[in-house]
Amino acid sequence: MSEDKQMSFLDHLEELRWRLVRIAIAIVIIGSIIFSFQEWIMDHVFLNLKDPSFISFRLMCQYFGVCVDDIPLSFQSTTMGGQFTYALMTSMLGGVVIGFPYIFHQIWSFVKPGLKQNEKSAVKGIVFYVSLLFFIGILFGYYVVAPLCVQFFGMYQISRSIQNIFTINSYMSTVLSTIFYTGLLFLLPVITYLFAKLGIISADFLTKYRKHSFVGILIIAAVITPPDVVSQIIVSIPILLLYEIGILVVKRVEKNKLKADTTSS
C-alpha cells in the first residue's frame, strides 16, 4: 500500500487488523516450534539456571571469586494443568521474543506513513536498533539477572528444616518476567530518543534530574533482582550507562534540530 495514499479511518483500522493478524500468526508459528522442543528447552534453557556449572556461575567463580555450590532446589506442579499451561505460556512468550524484530517491524510500518519525511530519515534503521537493544537486554537478563535471582532465592533458607520446593509456576514466572522486563529496560535510549524528537524531554532536563533518576534506577533494580546489594549494583550499572547514553542521544537530537533550524532560517 502506498504511503502517500490518503486512507480513511476504517482503512487504518483494516490495515491495523491485518498487521495484528500477521503478528499473531508469527507468534503462533514460532511458539509451535518452541512447543515441540519444550522438554529440551525446559531442561537446558530454564532449569539449568540452578546448575552450579551454568556459565554465569563459572565466570563469577573464575573472575570474581564468588563460587556457587549446589543449589538445594526442587520443583513441583500443584495444579492439574500447571505444566501444560506453562509450556504453552513459555512457547508463546518465546514466540514474542524471537519474533520481536518482525513484530516491531509490523507496528513501525503502521506508524511510519504518518511521519514527515525528515522524521522518517531521523529514525532510519530504528527496527534494527530497537531489536538489537532488546536482544542485548534479554541476554543480560538471562545470563546475569535470572541466575542471580535463582541463586539467591534457591539458597536462602529461614531454617534448615525448610526445603525450597518451588512450584513450576512460581519459578517460571520469576525467570520469564525478569528476563523479559530486562529486555524492555534496555530500550531506554530509544525511548529517550523518541521523547526528544517529540520535544517532551531535553538533555538539560535529563542532566538536572540525573541524581533522581539514579535513585529510580536503583529502585527498579531492587524490584527485578534479589534483595542483596551485589545483585542490585550489577543490574544498575548497565541501566545507568544506558541512561547516560540516552543523554548523549538527546544532545545529538537537539544539535541536529538546531542545525536544521539555522539552515532553514
Protein backbone atom coordinates (compact mmCIF):
# COMPACT_ATOMS: atom_id res chain seq x y z
CA MET A 1 0.00 0.00 0.00
CA SER A 2 1.39 3.38 -0.98
CA GLU A 3 2.40 5.59 1.93
CA ASP A 4 1.24 8.70 0.05
CA LYS A 5 -2.28 7.40 -0.43
CA GLN A 6 -4.86 9.09 1.79
CA MET A 7 -6.60 6.50 3.94
CA SER A 8 -9.87 6.75 5.80
CA PHE A 9 -10.24 5.86 9.46
CA LEU A 10 -11.75 2.49 8.55
CA ASP A 11 -8.88 1.84 6.14
CA HIS A 12 -6.43 2.45 9.00
CA LEU A 13 -8.37 0.07 11.22
CA GLU A 14 -8.35 -2.56 8.49
CA GLU A 15 -4.60 -2.21 7.99
CA LEU A 16 -4.03 -2.40 11.75
CA ARG A 17 -6.20 -5.51 11.95
CA TRP A 18 -4.21 -7.31 9.26
CA ARG A 19 -0.91 -6.33 10.84
CA LEU A 20 -2.11 -7.69 14.18
CA VAL A 21 -3.19 -10.89 12.40
CA ARG A 22 0.28 -11.24 10.86
CA ILE A 23 1.85 -10.69 14.28
CA ALA A 24 -0.41 -13.32 15.85
CA ILE A 25 0.39 -15.82 13.08
CA ALA A 26 4.13 -15.25 13.51
CA ILE A 27 3.89 -15.75 17.29
CA VAL A 28 1.84 -18.94 16.87
CA ILE A 29 4.25 -20.39 14.28
CA ILE A 30 7.36 -19.65 16.35
CA GLY A 31 5.59 -20.72 19.53
CA SER A 32 4.55 -24.02 17.94
CA ILE A 33 8.17 -24.76 17.02
CA ILE A 34 9.27 -23.94 20.57
CA PHE A 35 6.47 -26.12 22.00
CA SER A 36 7.71 -29.12 20.00
CA PHE A 37 11.08 -28.82 21.79
CA GLN A 38 9.59 -27.94 25.19
CA GLU A 39 11.36 -30.66 27.19
CA TRP A 40 14.83 -29.82 25.85
CA ILE A 41 14.21 -26.08 26.30
CA MET A 42 12.93 -26.54 29.84
CA ASP A 43 15.91 -28.72 30.84
CA HIS A 44 18.69 -26.84 29.02
CA VAL A 45 17.44 -23.24 28.97
CA PHE A 46 15.48 -22.69 32.20
CA LEU A 47 16.11 -25.45 34.73
CA ASN A 48 19.87 -25.33 34.18
CA LEU A 49 19.88 -21.85 35.75
CA LYS A 50 20.12 -23.65 39.10
CA ASP A 51 23.13 -25.70 37.98
CA PRO A 52 26.46 -24.53 39.54
CA SER A 53 28.12 -25.36 36.19
CA PHE A 54 25.98 -22.73 34.42
CA ILE A 55 28.32 -20.40 32.52
CA SER A 56 27.43 -17.33 34.58
CA PHE A 57 28.27 -19.09 37.84
CA ARG A 58 31.53 -20.43 36.41
CA LEU A 59 32.62 -16.96 35.25
CA MET A 60 31.68 -15.45 38.62
CA CYS A 61 33.81 -18.06 40.35
CA GLN A 62 36.72 -17.67 37.94
CA TYR A 63 36.95 -13.88 37.79
CA PHE A 64 35.26 -12.62 40.98
CA GLY A 65 35.92 -15.50 43.36
CA VAL A 66 32.18 -15.85 44.06
CA CYS A 67 31.57 -19.57 43.68
CA VAL A 68 28.13 -21.16 43.84
CA ASP A 69 27.73 -24.54 45.45
CA ASP A 70 24.88 -26.89 44.70
CA ILE A 71 21.57 -25.01 44.90
CA PRO A 72 19.13 -27.11 47.00
CA LEU A 73 16.17 -26.50 44.75
CA SER A 74 13.36 -28.82 43.65
CA PHE A 75 10.23 -28.21 41.60
CA GLN A 76 6.69 -29.45 41.61
CA SER A 77 3.43 -28.79 39.80
CA THR A 78 0.46 -28.48 42.15
CA THR A 79 -2.34 -27.97 39.60
CA MET A 80 -3.83 -30.31 37.02
CA GLY A 81 -2.84 -28.18 34.03
CA GLY A 82 0.15 -26.45 35.58
CA GLN A 83 2.87 -27.99 33.40
CA PHE A 84 0.85 -27.69 30.20
CA THR A 85 -0.12 -24.10 30.96
CA TYR A 86 3.47 -23.02 31.48
CA ALA A 87 4.70 -24.97 28.48
CA LEU A 88 2.12 -23.07 26.43
CA MET A 89 2.92 -19.70 28.01
CA THR A 90 6.66 -20.22 27.61
CA SER A 91 6.16 -21.10 23.95
CA MET A 92 4.05 -18.01 23.26
CA LEU A 93 6.40 -15.69 25.14
CA GLY A 94 9.29 -17.26 23.27
CA GLY A 95 7.41 -16.51 20.07
CA VAL A 96 7.16 -12.85 21.11
CA VAL A 97 10.87 -12.62 21.99
CA ILE A 98 12.22 -14.42 18.92
CA GLY A 99 9.72 -12.72 16.63
CA PHE A 100 10.29 -9.29 18.18
CA PRO A 101 12.00 -7.78 15.09
CA TYR A 102 9.07 -8.82 12.88
CA ILE A 103 6.51 -7.68 15.46
CA PHE A 104 8.14 -4.27 15.83
CA HIS A 105 8.53 -4.01 12.05
CA GLN A 106 4.78 -4.52 11.64
CA ILE A 107 3.96 -1.91 14.27
CA TRP A 108 6.50 0.53 12.85
CA SER A 109 5.20 0.00 9.29
CA PHE A 110 1.76 1.04 10.53
CA VAL A 111 3.07 4.18 12.28
CA LYS A 112 5.68 5.22 9.68
CA PRO A 113 3.33 6.59 6.95
CA GLY A 114 2.06 9.20 9.43
CA LEU A 115 5.53 10.71 9.85
CA LYS A 116 7.06 13.54 7.87
CA GLN A 117 9.94 12.81 5.53
CA ASN A 118 12.54 14.36 7.82
CA GLU A 119 11.15 12.35 10.74
CA LYS A 120 11.44 9.15 8.71
CA SER A 121 15.04 9.98 7.90
CA ALA A 122 15.79 10.71 11.55
CA VAL A 123 14.61 7.27 12.67
CA LYS A 124 16.11 5.30 9.81
CA GLY A 125 17.14 1.83 10.95
CA ILE A 126 15.02 2.02 14.10
CA VAL A 127 13.80 -1.58 13.72
CA PHE A 128 17.39 -2.83 13.77
CA TYR A 129 18.49 -0.72 16.74
CA VAL A 130 15.38 -1.43 18.81
CA SER A 131 15.70 -5.16 18.14
CA LEU A 132 19.43 -5.10 18.94
CA LEU A 133 18.92 -3.35 22.28
CA PHE A 134 16.03 -5.66 23.14
CA PHE A 135 18.06 -8.80 22.47
CA ILE A 136 21.05 -7.44 24.41
CA GLY A 137 18.68 -6.83 27.32
CA ILE A 138 17.26 -10.35 27.01
CA LEU A 139 20.76 -11.85 27.05
CA PHE A 140 21.74 -9.71 30.05
CA GLY A 141 18.58 -10.78 31.85
CA TYR A 142 19.20 -14.45 31.07
CA TYR A 143 22.91 -14.63 31.84
CA VAL A 144 23.10 -12.13 34.71
CA VAL A 145 19.82 -11.19 36.39
CA ALA A 146 17.94 -14.51 36.25
CA PRO A 147 20.85 -16.63 37.58
CA LEU A 148 21.31 -14.20 40.47
CA CYS A 149 17.61 -14.48 41.31
CA VAL A 150 17.67 -18.29 41.14
CA GLN A 151 20.88 -18.47 43.19
CA PHE A 152 19.65 -16.12 45.92
CA PHE A 153 16.12 -17.44 46.37
CA GLY A 154 17.21 -21.04 45.79
CA MET A 155 19.83 -20.94 48.54
CA TYR A 156 18.02 -18.69 51.00
CA GLN A 157 16.53 -20.59 53.93
CA ILE A 158 14.96 -19.31 57.13
CA SER A 159 15.66 -22.69 58.69
CA ARG A 160 17.49 -25.81 57.58
CA SER A 161 14.29 -27.69 58.33
CA ILE A 162 12.51 -25.91 55.45
CA GLN A 163 13.26 -27.12 51.94
CA ASN A 164 12.98 -24.97 48.84
CA ILE A 165 10.47 -26.86 46.74
CA PHE A 166 9.10 -24.25 44.36
CA THR A 167 6.10 -24.66 42.12
CA ILE A 168 6.92 -24.54 38.43
CA ASN A 169 4.52 -21.58 38.18
CA SER A 170 6.48 -19.56 40.73
CA TYR A 171 9.87 -20.43 39.24
CA MET A 172 8.94 -19.76 35.62
CA SER A 173 7.07 -16.56 36.46
CA THR A 174 10.15 -15.18 38.20
CA VAL A 175 12.59 -16.21 35.47
CA LEU A 176 10.47 -15.19 32.48
CA SER A 177 9.36 -11.82 33.89
CA THR A 178 12.92 -10.99 34.97
CA ILE A 179 14.36 -11.74 31.53
CA PHE A 180 11.57 -10.02 29.58
CA TYR A 181 11.47 -6.85 31.70
CA THR A 182 15.25 -6.54 31.49
CA GLY A 183 14.92 -6.68 27.71
CA LEU A 184 12.40 -3.84 27.84
CA LEU A 185 14.62 -1.78 30.16
CA PHE A 186 17.38 -1.84 27.57
CA LEU A 187 15.12 0.12 25.23
CA LEU A 188 15.71 3.22 27.37
CA PRO A 189 17.92 5.03 24.78
CA VAL A 190 15.27 4.53 22.11
CA ILE A 191 12.56 5.90 24.38
CA THR A 192 14.63 8.96 25.26
CA TYR A 193 15.35 9.49 21.55
CA LEU A 194 11.66 9.42 20.64
CA PHE A 195 10.74 11.70 23.55
CA ALA A 196 13.47 14.11 22.47
CA LYS A 197 12.14 14.14 18.91
CA LEU A 198 8.67 14.93 20.26
CA GLY A 199 10.09 17.70 22.42
CA ILE A 200 8.94 16.05 25.66
CA ILE A 201 12.39 15.87 27.26
CA SER A 202 15.70 17.69 26.82
CA ALA A 203 19.31 16.98 27.67
CA ASP A 204 19.20 19.69 30.35
CA PHE A 205 16.18 18.00 31.91
CA LEU A 206 17.88 14.59 31.99
CA THR A 207 21.08 16.10 33.38
CA LYS A 208 19.23 18.12 36.03
CA TYR A 209 17.36 15.08 37.31
CA ARG A 210 20.26 12.64 36.92
CA LYS A 211 20.51 12.03 40.68
CA HIS A 212 16.77 11.42 40.95
CA SER A 213 16.97 9.04 38.00
CA PHE A 214 19.80 7.12 39.65
CA VAL A 215 17.61 6.60 42.72
CA GLY A 216 14.78 5.44 40.45
CA ILE A 217 17.11 3.03 38.66
CA LEU A 218 18.26 1.58 41.98
CA ILE A 219 14.62 1.06 42.95
CA ILE A 220 13.91 -0.68 39.63
CA ALA A 221 16.99 -2.85 40.10
CA ALA A 222 15.81 -3.73 43.60
CA VAL A 223 12.43 -4.80 42.20
CA ILE A 224 13.75 -7.11 39.45
CA THR A 225 16.68 -8.55 41.44
CA PRO A 226 17.11 -10.40 44.73
CA PRO A 227 17.31 -8.17 47.82
CA ASP A 228 21.08 -8.13 48.03
CA VAL A 229 23.36 -5.20 47.27
CA VAL A 230 25.69 -7.03 44.88
CA SER A 231 22.88 -8.10 42.54
CA GLN A 232 21.36 -4.62 42.55
CA ILE A 233 24.70 -3.00 41.68
CA ILE A 234 25.36 -5.49 38.86
CA VAL A 235 21.97 -4.74 37.31
CA SER A 236 22.09 -1.00 37.99
CA ILE A 237 25.42 -0.37 36.20
CA PRO A 238 24.25 -1.15 32.62
CA ILE A 239 20.98 0.73 33.19
CA LEU A 240 22.93 3.76 34.41
CA LEU A 241 25.14 3.52 31.32
CA LEU A 242 22.04 3.37 29.13
CA TYR A 243 20.74 6.50 30.88
CA GLU A 244 23.99 8.33 30.11
CA ILE A 245 23.82 7.11 26.51
CA GLY A 246 20.28 8.48 26.42
CA ILE A 247 21.59 11.92 27.43
CA LEU A 248 24.15 11.82 24.60
CA VAL A 249 21.44 10.76 22.17
CA VAL A 250 19.18 13.63 23.22
CA LYS A 251 22.07 16.11 22.89
CA ARG A 252 22.65 14.89 19.35
CA VAL A 253 18.96 15.26 18.52
CA GLU A 254 18.97 18.82 19.84
CA LYS A 255 22.15 19.62 17.93
CA ASN A 256 20.69 18.35 14.65
CA LYS A 257 17.44 20.18 15.29
CA LEU A 258 19.30 23.44 15.98
CA LYS A 259 21.37 22.94 12.84
CA ALA A 260 18.22 22.32 10.78
CA ASP A 261 16.53 25.45 12.21
CA THR A 262 19.61 27.54 11.44
CA THR A 263 19.76 26.25 7.87
CA SER A 264 16.06 26.88 7.25
CA SER A 265 16.29 30.42 8.59
